[in-house]
Amino acid sequence: QAVGAPNLQVQFDLYHCQIMEGDV
């Protein structure tokens, strides 16, 4: 959101998300 480029996106890795945050 801060960069604001329409072609900038997030790569959502469920493995990393579970280790760091959970609530996937």
PDBML (XML) file of the C-alpha atoms, coordinates in Angstrom:
<?xml version="1.0" encoding="UTF-8" ?>
<PDBx:datablock datablockName="MODEL"
   xmlns:PDBx="http://pdbml.pdb.org/schema/pdbx-v50.xsd"
   xmlns:xsi="http://www.w3.org/2001/XMLSchema-instance"
   xsi:schemaLocation="http://pdbml.pdb.org/schema/pdbx-v50.xsd pdbx-v50.xsd">
   <PDBx:atom_siteCategory>
      <PDBx:atom_site id="1">
         <PDBx:B_iso_or_equiv>0.00</PDBx:B_iso_or_equiv>
         <PDBx:Cartn_x>0.000</PDBx:Cartn_x>
         <PDBx:Cartn_y>0.000</PDBx:Cartn_y>
         <PDBx:Cartn_z>0.000</PDBx:Cartn_z>
         <PDBx:auth_asym_id>A</PDBx:auth_asym_id>
         <PDBx:auth_atom_id>CA</PDBx:auth_atom_id>
         <PDBx:auth_comp_id>GLN</PDBx:auth_comp_id>
         <PDBx:auth_seq_id>1</PDBx:auth_seq_id>
         <PDBx:group_PDB>ATOM</PDBx:group_PDB>
         <PDBx:label_alt_id xsi:nil="true" />
         <PDBx:label_asym_id>A</PDBx:label_asym_id>
         <PDBx:label_atom_id>CA</PDBx:label_atom_id>
         <PDBx:label_comp_id>GLN</PDBx:label_comp_id>
         <PDBx:label_entity_id>1</PDBx:label_entity_id>
         <PDBx:label_seq_id>1</PDBx:label_seq_id>
         <PDBx:occupancy>1.00</PDBx:occupancy>
         <PDBx:pdbx_PDB_model_num>1</PDBx:pdbx_PDB_model_num>
         <PDBx:type_symbol>C</PDBx:type_symbol>
      </PDBx:atom_site>
      <PDBx:atom_site id="2">
         <PDBx:B_iso_or_equiv>0.00</PDBx:B_iso_or_equiv>
         <PDBx:Cartn_x>2.827</PDBx:Cartn_x>
         <PDBx:Cartn_y>2.404</PDBx:Cartn_y>
         <PDBx:Cartn_z>0.806</PDBx:Cartn_z>
         <PDBx:auth_asym_id>A</PDBx:auth_asym_id>
         <PDBx:auth_atom_id>CA</PDBx:auth_atom_id>
         <PDBx:auth_comp_id>ALA</PDBx:auth_comp_id>
         <PDBx:auth_seq_id>2</PDBx:auth_seq_id>
         <PDBx:group_PDB>ATOM</PDBx:group_PDB>
         <PDBx:label_alt_id xsi:nil="true" />
         <PDBx:label_asym_id>A</PDBx:label_asym_id>
         <PDBx:label_atom_id>CA</PDBx:label_atom_id>
         <PDBx:label_comp_id>ALA</PDBx:label_comp_id>
         <PDBx:label_entity_id>1</PDBx:label_entity_id>
         <PDBx:label_seq_id>2</PDBx:label_seq_id>
         <PDBx:occupancy>1.00</PDBx:occupancy>
         <PDBx:pdbx_PDB_model_num>1</PDBx:pdbx_PDB_model_num>
         <PDBx:type_symbol>C</PDBx:type_symbol>
      </PDBx:atom_site>
      <PDBx:atom_site id="3">
         <PDBx:B_iso_or_equiv>0.00</PDBx:B_iso_or_equiv>
         <PDBx:Cartn_x>4.524</PDBx:Cartn_x>
         <PDBx:Cartn_y>1.850</PDBx:Cartn_y>
         <PDBx:Cartn_z>-2.556</PDBx:Cartn_z>
         <PDBx:auth_asym_id>A</PDBx:auth_asym_id>
         <PDBx:auth_atom_id>CA</PDBx:auth_atom_id>
         <PDBx:auth_comp_id>VAL</PDBx:auth_comp_id>
         <PDBx:auth_seq_id>3</PDBx:auth_seq_id>
         <PDBx:group_PDB>ATOM</PDBx:group_PDB>
         <PDBx:label_alt_id xsi:nil="true" />
         <PDBx:label_asym_id>A</PDBx:label_asym_id>
         <PDBx:label_atom_id>CA</PDBx:label_atom_id>
         <PDBx:label_comp_id>VAL</PDBx:label_comp_id>
         <PDBx:label_entity_id>1</PDBx:label_entity_id>
         <PDBx:label_seq_id>3</PDBx:label_seq_id>
         <PDBx:occupancy>1.00</PDBx:occupancy>
         <PDBx:pdbx_PDB_model_num>1</PDBx:pdbx_PDB_model_num>
         <PDBx:type_symbol>C</PDBx:type_symbol>
      </PDBx:atom_site>
      <PDBx:atom_site id="4">
         <PDBx:B_iso_or_equiv>0.00</PDBx:B_iso_or_equiv>
         <PDBx:Cartn_x>1.227</PDBx:Cartn_x>
         <PDBx:Cartn_y>2.132</PDBx:Cartn_y>
         <PDBx:Cartn_z>-4.375</PDBx:Cartn_z>
         <PDBx:auth_asym_id>A</PDBx:auth_asym_id>
         <PDBx:auth_atom_id>CA</PDBx:auth_atom_id>
         <PDBx:auth_comp_id>GLY</PDBx:auth_comp_id>
         <PDBx:auth_seq_id>4</PDBx:auth_seq_id>
         <PDBx:group_PDB>ATOM</PDBx:group_PDB>
         <PDBx:label_alt_id xsi:nil="true" />
         <PDBx:label_asym_id>A</PDBx:label_asym_id>
         <PDBx:label_atom_id>CA</PDBx:label_atom_id>
         <PDBx:label_comp_id>GLY</PDBx:label_comp_id>
         <PDBx:label_entity_id>1</PDBx:label_entity_id>
         <PDBx:label_seq_id>4</PDBx:label_seq_id>
         <PDBx:occupancy>1.00</PDBx:occupancy>
         <PDBx:pdbx_PDB_model_num>1</PDBx:pdbx_PDB_model_num>
         <PDBx:type_symbol>C</PDBx:type_symbol>
      </PDBx:atom_site>
      <PDBx:atom_site id="5">
         <PDBx:B_iso_or_equiv>0.00</PDBx:B_iso_or_equiv>
         <PDBx:Cartn_x>2.291</PDBx:Cartn_x>
         <PDBx:Cartn_y>0.351</PDBx:Cartn_y>
         <PDBx:Cartn_z>-7.566</PDBx:Cartn_z>
         <PDBx:auth_asym_id>A</PDBx:auth_asym_id>
         <PDBx:auth_atom_id>CA</PDBx:auth_atom_id>
         <PDBx:auth_comp_id>ALA</PDBx:auth_comp_id>
         <PDBx:auth_seq_id>5</PDBx:auth_seq_id>
         <PDBx:group_PDB>ATOM</PDBx:group_PDB>
         <PDBx:label_alt_id xsi:nil="true" />
         <PDBx:label_asym_id>A</PDBx:label_asym_id>
         <PDBx:label_atom_id>CA</PDBx:label_atom_id>
         <PDBx:label_comp_id>ALA</PDBx:label_comp_id>
         <PDBx:label_entity_id>1</PDBx:label_entity_id>
         <PDBx:label_seq_id>5</PDBx:label_seq_id>
         <PDBx:occupancy>1.00</PDBx:occupancy>
         <PDBx:pdbx_PDB_model_num>1</PDBx:pdbx_PDB_model_num>
         <PDBx:type_symbol>C</PDBx:type_symbol>
      </PDBx:atom_site>
      <PDBx:atom_site id="6">
         <PDBx:B_iso_or_equiv>0.00</PDBx:B_iso_or_equiv>
         <PDBx:Cartn_x>-0.616</PDBx:Cartn_x>
         <PDBx:Cartn_y>-1.640</PDBx:Cartn_y>
         <PDBx:Cartn_z>-9.049</PDBx:Cartn_z>
         <PDBx:auth_asym_id>A</PDBx:auth_asym_id>
         <PDBx:auth_atom_id>CA</PDBx:auth_atom_id>
         <PDBx:auth_comp_id>PRO</PDBx:auth_comp_id>
         <PDBx:auth_seq_id>6</PDBx:auth_seq_id>
         <PDBx:group_PDB>ATOM</PDBx:group_PDB>
         <PDBx:label_alt_id xsi:nil="true" />
         <PDBx:label_asym_id>A</PDBx:label_asym_id>
         <PDBx:label_atom_id>CA</PDBx:label_atom_id>
         <PDBx:label_comp_id>PRO</PDBx:label_comp_id>
         <PDBx:label_entity_id>1</PDBx:label_entity_id>
         <PDBx:label_seq_id>6</PDBx:label_seq_id>
         <PDBx:occupancy>1.00</PDBx:occupancy>
         <PDBx:pdbx_PDB_model_num>1</PDBx:pdbx_PDB_model_num>
         <PDBx:type_symbol>C</PDBx:type_symbol>
      </PDBx:atom_site>
      <PDBx:atom_site id="7">
         <PDBx:B_iso_or_equiv>0.00</PDBx:B_iso_or_equiv>
         <PDBx:Cartn_x>1.721</PDBx:Cartn_x>
         <PDBx:Cartn_y>-4.456</PDBx:Cartn_y>
         <PDBx:Cartn_z>-10.088</PDBx:Cartn_z>
         <PDBx:auth_asym_id>A</PDBx:auth_asym_id>
         <PDBx:auth_atom_id>CA</PDBx:auth_atom_id>
         <PDBx:auth_comp_id>ASN</PDBx:auth_comp_id>
         <PDBx:auth_seq_id>7</PDBx:auth_seq_id>
         <PDBx:group_PDB>ATOM</PDBx:group_PDB>
         <PDBx:label_alt_id xsi:nil="true" />
         <PDBx:label_asym_id>A</PDBx:label_asym_id>
         <PDBx:label_atom_id>CA</PDBx:label_atom_id>
         <PDBx:label_comp_id>ASN</PDBx:label_comp_id>
         <PDBx:label_entity_id>1</PDBx:label_entity_id>
         <PDBx:label_seq_id>7</PDBx:label_seq_id>
         <PDBx:occupancy>1.00</PDBx:occupancy>
         <PDBx:pdbx_PDB_model_num>1</PDBx:pdbx_PDB_model_num>
         <PDBx:type_symbol>C</PDBx:type_symbol>
      </PDBx:atom_site>
      <PDBx:atom_site id="8">
         <PDBx:B_iso_or_equiv>0.00</PDBx:B_iso_or_equiv>
         <PDBx:Cartn_x>3.264</PDBx:Cartn_x>
         <PDBx:Cartn_y>-4.894</PDBx:Cartn_y>
         <PDBx:Cartn_z>-6.615</PDBx:Cartn_z>
         <PDBx:auth_asym_id>A</PDBx:auth_asym_id>
         <PDBx:auth_atom_id>CA</PDBx:auth_atom_id>
         <PDBx:auth_comp_id>LEU</PDBx:auth_comp_id>
         <PDBx:auth_seq_id>8</PDBx:auth_seq_id>
         <PDBx:group_PDB>ATOM</PDBx:group_PDB>
         <PDBx:label_alt_id xsi:nil="true" />
         <PDBx:label_asym_id>A</PDBx:label_asym_id>
         <PDBx:label_atom_id>CA</PDBx:label_atom_id>
         <PDBx:label_comp_id>LEU</PDBx:label_comp_id>
         <PDBx:label_entity_id>1</PDBx:label_entity_id>
         <PDBx:label_seq_id>8</PDBx:label_seq_id>
         <PDBx:occupancy>1.00</PDBx:occupancy>
         <PDBx:pdbx_PDB_model_num>1</PDBx:pdbx_PDB_model_num>
         <PDBx:type_symbol>C</PDBx:type_symbol>
      </PDBx:atom_site>
      <PDBx:atom_site id="9">
         <PDBx:B_iso_or_equiv>0.00</PDBx:B_iso_or_equiv>
         <PDBx:Cartn_x>1.684</PDBx:Cartn_x>
         <PDBx:Cartn_y>-7.848</PDBx:Cartn_y>
         <PDBx:Cartn_z>-4.796</PDBx:Cartn_z>
         <PDBx:auth_asym_id>A</PDBx:auth_asym_id>
         <PDBx:auth_atom_id>CA</PDBx:auth_atom_id>
         <PDBx:auth_comp_id>GLN</PDBx:auth_comp_id>
         <PDBx:auth_seq_id>9</PDBx:auth_seq_id>
         <PDBx:group_PDB>ATOM</PDBx:group_PDB>
         <PDBx:label_alt_id xsi:nil="true" />
         <PDBx:label_asym_id>A</PDBx:label_asym_id>
         <PDBx:label_atom_id>CA</PDBx:label_atom_id>
         <PDBx:label_comp_id>GLN</PDBx:label_comp_id>
         <PDBx:label_entity_id>1</PDBx:label_entity_id>
         <PDBx:label_seq_id>9</PDBx:label_seq_id>
         <PDBx:occupancy>1.00</PDBx:occupancy>
         <PDBx:pdbx_PDB_model_num>1</PDBx:pdbx_PDB_model_num>
         <PDBx:type_symbol>C</PDBx:type_symbol>
      </PDBx:atom_site>
      <PDBx:atom_site id="10">
         <PDBx:B_iso_or_equiv>0.00</PDBx:B_iso_or_equiv>
         <PDBx:Cartn_x>2.162</PDBx:Cartn_x>
         <PDBx:Cartn_y>-10.179</PDBx:Cartn_y>
         <PDBx:Cartn_z>-1.847</PDBx:Cartn_z>
         <PDBx:auth_asym_id>A</PDBx:auth_asym_id>
         <PDBx:auth_atom_id>CA</PDBx:auth_atom_id>
         <PDBx:auth_comp_id>VAL</PDBx:auth_comp_id>
         <PDBx:auth_seq_id>10</PDBx:auth_seq_id>
         <PDBx:group_PDB>ATOM</PDBx:group_PDB>
         <PDBx:label_alt_id xsi:nil="true" />
         <PDBx:label_asym_id>A</PDBx:label_asym_id>
         <PDBx:label_atom_id>CA</PDBx:label_atom_id>
         <PDBx:label_comp_id>VAL</PDBx:label_comp_id>
         <PDBx:label_entity_id>1</PDBx:label_entity_id>
         <PDBx:label_seq_id>10</PDBx:label_seq_id>
         <PDBx:occupancy>1.00</PDBx:occupancy>
         <PDBx:pdbx_PDB_model_num>1</PDBx:pdbx_PDB_model_num>
         <PDBx:type_symbol>C</PDBx:type_symbol>
      </PDBx:atom_site>
      <PDBx:atom_site id="11">
         <PDBx:B_iso_or_equiv>0.00</PDBx:B_iso_or_equiv>
         <PDBx:Cartn_x>3.402</PDBx:Cartn_x>
         <PDBx:Cartn_y>-13.745</PDBx:Cartn_y>
         <PDBx:Cartn_z>-2.084</PDBx:Cartn_z>
         <PDBx:auth_asym_id>A</PDBx:auth_asym_id>
         <PDBx:auth_atom_id>CA</PDBx:auth_atom_id>
         <PDBx:auth_comp_id>GLN</PDBx:auth_comp_id>
         <PDBx:auth_seq_id>11</PDBx:auth_seq_id>
         <PDBx:group_PDB>ATOM</PDBx:group_PDB>
         <PDBx:label_alt_id xsi:nil="true" />
         <PDBx:label_asym_id>A</PDBx:label_asym_id>
         <PDBx:label_atom_id>CA</PDBx:label_atom_id>
         <PDBx:label_comp_id>GLN</PDBx:label_comp_id>
         <PDBx:label_entity_id>1</PDBx:label_entity_id>
         <PDBx:label_seq_id>11</PDBx:label_seq_id>
         <PDBx:occupancy>1.00</PDBx:occupancy>
         <PDBx:pdbx_PDB_model_num>1</PDBx:pdbx_PDB_model_num>
         <PDBx:type_symbol>C</PDBx:type_symbol>
      </PDBx:atom_site>
      <PDBx:atom_site id="12">
         <PDBx:B_iso_or_equiv>0.00</PDBx:B_iso_or_equiv>
         <PDBx:Cartn_x>1.381</PDBx:Cartn_x>
         <PDBx:Cartn_y>-15.478</PDBx:Cartn_y>
         <PDBx:Cartn_z>0.643</PDBx:Cartn_z>
         <PDBx:auth_asym_id>A</PDBx:auth_asym_id>
         <PDBx:auth_atom_id>CA</PDBx:auth_atom_id>
         <PDBx:auth_comp_id>PHE</PDBx:auth_comp_id>
         <PDBx:auth_seq_id>12</PDBx:auth_seq_id>
         <PDBx:group_PDB>ATOM</PDBx:group_PDB>
         <PDBx:label_alt_id xsi:nil="true" />
         <PDBx:label_asym_id>A</PDBx:label_asym_id>
         <PDBx:label_atom_id>CA</PDBx:label_atom_id>
         <PDBx:label_comp_id>PHE</PDBx:label_comp_id>
         <PDBx:label_entity_id>1</PDBx:label_entity_id>
         <PDBx:label_seq_id>12</PDBx:label_seq_id>
         <PDBx:occupancy>1.00</PDBx:occupancy>
         <PDBx:pdbx_PDB_model_num>1</PDBx:pdbx_PDB_model_num>
         <PDBx:type_symbol>C</PDBx:type_symbol>
      </PDBx:atom_site>
      <PDBx:atom_site id="13">
         <PDBx:B_iso_or_equiv>0.00</PDBx:B_iso_or_equiv>
         <PDBx:Cartn_x>3.255</PDBx:Cartn_x>
         <PDBx:Cartn_y>-18.552</PDBx:Cartn_y>
         <PDBx:Cartn_z>1.884</PDBx:Cartn_z>
         <PDBx:auth_asym_id>A</PDBx:auth_asym_id>
         <PDBx:auth_atom_id>CA</PDBx:auth_atom_id>
         <PDBx:auth_comp_id>ASP</PDBx:auth_comp_id>
         <PDBx:auth_seq_id>13</PDBx:auth_seq_id>
         <PDBx:group_PDB>ATOM</PDBx:group_PDB>
         <PDBx:label_alt_id xsi:nil="true" />
         <PDBx:label_asym_id>A</PDBx:label_asym_id>
         <PDBx:label_atom_id>CA</PDBx:label_atom_id>
         <PDBx:label_comp_id>ASP</PDBx:label_comp_id>
         <PDBx:label_entity_id>1</PDBx:label_entity_id>
         <PDBx:label_seq_id>13</PDBx:label_seq_id>
         <PDBx:occupancy>1.00</PDBx:occupancy>
         <PDBx:pdbx_PDB_model_num>1</PDBx:pdbx_PDB_model_num>
         <PDBx:type_symbol>C</PDBx:type_symbol>
      </PDBx:atom_site>
      <PDBx:atom_site id="14">
         <PDBx:B_iso_or_equiv>0.00</PDBx:B_iso_or_equiv>
         <PDBx:Cartn_x>1.047</PDBx:Cartn_x>
         <PDBx:Cartn_y>-20.493</PDBx:Cartn_y>
         <PDBx:Cartn_z>4.286</PDBx:Cartn_z>
         <PDBx:auth_asym_id>A</PDBx:auth_asym_id>
         <PDBx:auth_atom_id>CA</PDBx:auth_atom_id>
         <PDBx:auth_comp_id>LEU</PDBx:auth_comp_id>
         <PDBx:auth_seq_id>14</PDBx:auth_seq_id>
         <PDBx:group_PDB>ATOM</PDBx:group_PDB>
         <PDBx:label_alt_id xsi:nil="true" />
         <PDBx:label_asym_id>A</PDBx:label_asym_id>
         <PDBx:label_atom_id>CA</PDBx:label_atom_id>
         <PDBx:label_comp_id>LEU</PDBx:label_comp_id>
         <PDBx:label_entity_id>1</PDBx:label_entity_id>
         <PDBx:label_seq_id>14</PDBx:label_seq_id>
         <PDBx:occupancy>1.00</PDBx:occupancy>
         <PDBx:pdbx_PDB_model_num>1</PDBx:pdbx_PDB_model_num>
         <PDBx:type_symbol>C</PDBx:type_symbol>
      </PDBx:atom_site>
      <PDBx:atom_site id="15">
         <PDBx:B_iso_or_equiv>0.00</PDBx:B_iso_or_equiv>
         <PDBx:Cartn_x>4.087</PDBx:Cartn_x>
         <PDBx:Cartn_y>-22.231</PDBx:Cartn_y>
         <PDBx:Cartn_z>5.805</PDBx:Cartn_z>
         <PDBx:auth_asym_id>A</PDBx:auth_asym_id>
         <PDBx:auth_atom_id>CA</PDBx:auth_atom_id>
         <PDBx:auth_comp_id>TYR</PDBx:auth_comp_id>
         <PDBx:auth_seq_id>15</PDBx:auth_seq_id>
         <PDBx:group_PDB>ATOM</PDBx:group_PDB>
         <PDBx:label_alt_id xsi:nil="true" />
         <PDBx:label_asym_id>A</PDBx:label_asym_id>
         <PDBx:label_atom_id>CA</PDBx:label_atom_id>
         <PDBx:label_comp_id>TYR</PDBx:label_comp_id>
         <PDBx:label_entity_id>1</PDBx:label_entity_id>
         <PDBx:label_seq_id>15</PDBx:label_seq_id>
         <PDBx:occupancy>1.00</PDBx:occupancy>
         <PDBx:pdbx_PDB_model_num>1</PDBx:pdbx_PDB_model_num>
         <PDBx:type_symbol>C</PDBx:type_symbol>
      </PDBx:atom_site>
      <PDBx:atom_site id="16">
         <PDBx:B_iso_or_equiv>0.00</PDBx:B_iso_or_equiv>
         <PDBx:Cartn_x>5.752</PDBx:Cartn_x>
         <PDBx:Cartn_y>-18.971</PDBx:Cartn_y>
         <PDBx:Cartn_z>6.825</PDBx:Cartn_z>
         <PDBx:auth_asym_id>A</PDBx:auth_asym_id>
         <PDBx:auth_atom_id>CA</PDBx:auth_atom_id>
         <PDBx:auth_comp_id>HIS</PDBx:auth_comp_id>
         <PDBx:auth_seq_id>16</PDBx:auth_seq_id>
         <PDBx:group_PDB>ATOM</PDBx:group_PDB>
         <PDBx:label_alt_id xsi:nil="true" />
         <PDBx:label_asym_id>A</PDBx:label_asym_id>
         <PDBx:label_atom_id>CA</PDBx:label_atom_id>
         <PDBx:label_comp_id>HIS</PDBx:label_comp_id>
         <PDBx:label_entity_id>1</PDBx:label_entity_id>
         <PDBx:label_seq_id>16</PDBx:label_seq_id>
         <PDBx:occupancy>1.00</PDBx:occupancy>
         <PDBx:pdbx_PDB_model_num>1</PDBx:pdbx_PDB_model_num>
         <PDBx:type_symbol>C</PDBx:type_symbol>
      </PDBx:atom_site>
      <PDBx:atom_site id="17">
         <PDBx:B_iso_or_equiv>0.00</PDBx:B_iso_or_equiv>
         <PDBx:Cartn_x>2.444</PDBx:Cartn_x>
         <PDBx:Cartn_y>-17.488</PDBx:Cartn_y>
         <PDBx:Cartn_z>7.964</PDBx:Cartn_z>
         <PDBx:auth_asym_id>A</PDBx:auth_asym_id>
         <PDBx:auth_atom_id>CA</PDBx:auth_atom_id>
         <PDBx:auth_comp_id>CYS</PDBx:auth_comp_id>
         <PDBx:auth_seq_id>17</PDBx:auth_seq_id>
         <PDBx:group_PDB>ATOM</PDBx:group_PDB>
         <PDBx:label_alt_id xsi:nil="true" />
         <PDBx:label_asym_id>A</PDBx:label_asym_id>
         <PDBx:label_atom_id>CA</PDBx:label_atom_id>
         <PDBx:label_comp_id>CYS</PDBx:label_comp_id>
         <PDBx:label_entity_id>1</PDBx:label_entity_id>
         <PDBx:label_seq_id>17</PDBx:label_seq_id>
         <PDBx:occupancy>1.00</PDBx:occupancy>
         <PDBx:pdbx_PDB_model_num>1</PDBx:pdbx_PDB_model_num>
         <PDBx:type_symbol>C</PDBx:type_symbol>
      </PDBx:atom_site>
      <PDBx:atom_site id="18">
         <PDBx:B_iso_or_equiv>0.00</PDBx:B_iso_or_equiv>
         <PDBx:Cartn_x>1.706</PDBx:Cartn_x>
         <PDBx:Cartn_y>-20.387</PDBx:Cartn_y>
         <PDBx:Cartn_z>10.293</PDBx:Cartn_z>
         <PDBx:auth_asym_id>A</PDBx:auth_asym_id>
         <PDBx:auth_atom_id>CA</PDBx:auth_atom_id>
         <PDBx:auth_comp_id>GLN</PDBx:auth_comp_id>
         <PDBx:auth_seq_id>18</PDBx:auth_seq_id>
         <PDBx:group_PDB>ATOM</PDBx:group_PDB>
         <PDBx:label_alt_id xsi:nil="true" />
         <PDBx:label_asym_id>A</PDBx:label_asym_id>
         <PDBx:label_atom_id>CA</PDBx:label_atom_id>
         <PDBx:label_comp_id>GLN</PDBx:label_comp_id>
         <PDBx:label_entity_id>1</PDBx:label_entity_id>
         <PDBx:label_seq_id>18</PDBx:label_seq_id>
         <PDBx:occupancy>1.00</PDBx:occupancy>
         <PDBx:pdbx_PDB_model_num>1</PDBx:pdbx_PDB_model_num>
         <PDBx:type_symbol>C</PDBx:type_symbol>
      </PDBx:atom_site>
      <PDBx:atom_site id="19">
         <PDBx:B_iso_or_equiv>0.00</PDBx:B_iso_or_equiv>
         <PDBx:Cartn_x>5.141</PDBx:Cartn_x>
         <PDBx:Cartn_y>-20.211</PDBx:Cartn_y>
         <PDBx:Cartn_z>11.921</PDBx:Cartn_z>
         <PDBx:auth_asym_id>A</PDBx:auth_asym_id>
         <PDBx:auth_atom_id>CA</PDBx:auth_atom_id>
         <PDBx:auth_comp_id>ILE</PDBx:auth_comp_id>
         <PDBx:auth_seq_id>19</PDBx:auth_seq_id>
         <PDBx:group_PDB>ATOM</PDBx:group_PDB>
         <PDBx:label_alt_id xsi:nil="true" />
         <PDBx:label_asym_id>A</PDBx:label_asym_id>
         <PDBx:label_atom_id>CA</PDBx:label_atom_id>
         <PDBx:label_comp_id>ILE</PDBx:label_comp_id>
         <PDBx:label_entity_id>1</PDBx:label_entity_id>
         <PDBx:label_seq_id>19</PDBx:label_seq_id>
         <PDBx:occupancy>1.00</PDBx:occupancy>
         <PDBx:pdbx_PDB_model_num>1</PDBx:pdbx_PDB_model_num>
         <PDBx:type_symbol>C</PDBx:type_symbol>
      </PDBx:atom_site>
      <PDBx:atom_site id="20">
         <PDBx:B_iso_or_equiv>0.00</PDBx:B_iso_or_equiv>
         <PDBx:Cartn_x>5.064</PDBx:Cartn_x>
         <PDBx:Cartn_y>-16.453</PDBx:Cartn_y>
         <PDBx:Cartn_z>12.459</PDBx:Cartn_z>
         <PDBx:auth_asym_id>A</PDBx:auth_asym_id>
         <PDBx:auth_atom_id>CA</PDBx:auth_atom_id>
         <PDBx:auth_comp_id>MET</PDBx:auth_comp_id>
         <PDBx:auth_seq_id>20</PDBx:auth_seq_id>
         <PDBx:group_PDB>ATOM</PDBx:group_PDB>
         <PDBx:label_alt_id xsi:nil="true" />
         <PDBx:label_asym_id>A</PDBx:label_asym_id>
         <PDBx:label_atom_id>CA</PDBx:label_atom_id>
         <PDBx:label_comp_id>MET</PDBx:label_comp_id>
         <PDBx:label_entity_id>1</PDBx:label_entity_id>
         <PDBx:label_seq_id>20</PDBx:label_seq_id>
         <PDBx:occupancy>1.00</PDBx:occupancy>
         <PDBx:pdbx_PDB_model_num>1</PDBx:pdbx_PDB_model_num>
         <PDBx:type_symbol>C</PDBx:type_symbol>
      </PDBx:atom_site>
      <PDBx:atom_site id="21">
         <PDBx:B_iso_or_equiv>0.00</PDBx:B_iso_or_equiv>
         <PDBx:Cartn_x>1.378</PDBx:Cartn_x>
         <PDBx:Cartn_y>-15.743</PDBx:Cartn_y>
         <PDBx:Cartn_z>13.046</PDBx:Cartn_z>
         <PDBx:auth_asym_id>A</PDBx:auth_asym_id>
         <PDBx:auth_atom_id>CA</PDBx:auth_atom_id>
         <PDBx:auth_comp_id>GLU</PDBx:auth_comp_id>
         <PDBx:auth_seq_id>21</PDBx:auth_seq_id>
         <PDBx:group_PDB>ATOM</PDBx:group_PDB>
         <PDBx:label_alt_id xsi:nil="true" />
         <PDBx:label_asym_id>A</PDBx:label_asym_id>
         <PDBx:label_atom_id>CA</PDBx:label_atom_id>
         <PDBx:label_comp_id>GLU</PDBx:label_comp_id>
         <PDBx:label_entity_id>1</PDBx:label_entity_id>
         <PDBx:label_seq_id>21</PDBx:label_seq_id>
         <PDBx:occupancy>1.00</PDBx:occupancy>
         <PDBx:pdbx_PDB_model_num>1</PDBx:pdbx_PDB_model_num>
         <PDBx:type_symbol>C</PDBx:type_symbol>
      </PDBx:atom_site>
      <PDBx:atom_site id="22">
         <PDBx:B_iso_or_equiv>0.00</PDBx:B_iso_or_equiv>
         <PDBx:Cartn_x>-1.061</PDBx:Cartn_x>
         <PDBx:Cartn_y>-18.628</PDBx:Cartn_y>
         <PDBx:Cartn_z>12.741</PDBx:Cartn_z>
         <PDBx:auth_asym_id>A</PDBx:auth_asym_id>
         <PDBx:auth_atom_id>CA</PDBx:auth_atom_id>
         <PDBx:auth_comp_id>GLY</PDBx:auth_comp_id>
         <PDBx:auth_seq_id>22</PDBx:auth_seq_id>
         <PDBx:group_PDB>ATOM</PDBx:group_PDB>
         <PDBx:label_alt_id xsi:nil="true" />
         <PDBx:label_asym_id>A</PDBx:label_asym_id>
         <PDBx:label_atom_id>CA</PDBx:label_atom_id>
         <PDBx:label_comp_id>GLY</PDBx:label_comp_id>
         <PDBx:label_entity_id>1</PDBx:label_entity_id>
         <PDBx:label_seq_id>22</PDBx:label_seq_id>
         <PDBx:occupancy>1.00</PDBx:occupancy>
         <PDBx:pdbx_PDB_model_num>1</PDBx:pdbx_PDB_model_num>
         <PDBx:type_symbol>C</PDBx:type_symbol>
      </PDBx:atom_site>
      <PDBx:atom_site id="23">
         <PDBx:B_iso_or_equiv>0.00</PDBx:B_iso_or_equiv>
         <PDBx:Cartn_x>-4.752</PDBx:Cartn_x>
         <PDBx:Cartn_y>-17.901</PDBx:Cartn_y>
         <PDBx:Cartn_z>12.110</PDBx:Cartn_z>
         <PDBx:auth_asym_id>A</PDBx:auth_asym_id>
         <PDBx:auth_atom_id>CA</PDBx:auth_atom_id>
         <PDBx:auth_comp_id>ASP</PDBx:auth_comp_id>
         <PDBx:auth_seq_id>23</PDBx:auth_seq_id>
         <PDBx:group_PDB>ATOM</PDBx:group_PDB>
         <PDBx:label_alt_id xsi:nil="true" />
         <PDBx:label_asym_id>A</PDBx:label_asym_id>
         <PDBx:label_atom_id>CA</PDBx:label_atom_id>
         <PDBx:label_comp_id>ASP</PDBx:label_comp_id>
         <PDBx:label_entity_id>1</PDBx:label_entity_id>
         <PDBx:label_seq_id>23</PDBx:label_seq_id>
         <PDBx:occupancy>1.00</PDBx:occupancy>
         <PDBx:pdbx_PDB_model_num>1</PDBx:pdbx_PDB_model_num>
         <PDBx:type_symbol>C</PDBx:type_symbol>
      </PDBx:atom_site>
      <PDBx:atom_site id="24">
         <PDBx:B_iso_or_equiv>0.00</PDBx:B_iso_or_equiv>
         <PDBx:Cartn_x>-4.049</PDBx:Cartn_x>
         <PDBx:Cartn_y>-18.720</PDBx:Cartn_y>
         <PDBx:Cartn_z>8.474</PDBx:Cartn_z>
         <PDBx:auth_asym_id>A</PDBx:auth_asym_id>
         <PDBx:auth_atom_id>CA</PDBx:auth_atom_id>
         <PDBx:auth_comp_id>VAL</PDBx:auth_comp_id>
         <PDBx:auth_seq_id>24</PDBx:auth_seq_id>
         <PDBx:group_PDB>ATOM</PDBx:group_PDB>
         <PDBx:label_alt_id xsi:nil="true" />
         <PDBx:label_asym_id>A</PDBx:label_asym_id>
         <PDBx:label_atom_id>CA</PDBx:label_atom_id>
         <PDBx:label_comp_id>VAL</PDBx:label_comp_id>
         <PDBx:label_entity_id>1</PDBx:label_entity_id>
         <PDBx:label_seq_id>24</PDBx:label_seq_id>
         <PDBx:occupancy>1.00</PDBx:occupancy>
         <PDBx:pdbx_PDB_model_num>1</PDBx:pdbx_PDB_model_num>
         <PDBx:type_symbol>C</PDBx:type_symbol>
      </PDBx:atom_site>
   </PDBx:atom_siteCategory>
</PDBx:datablock>
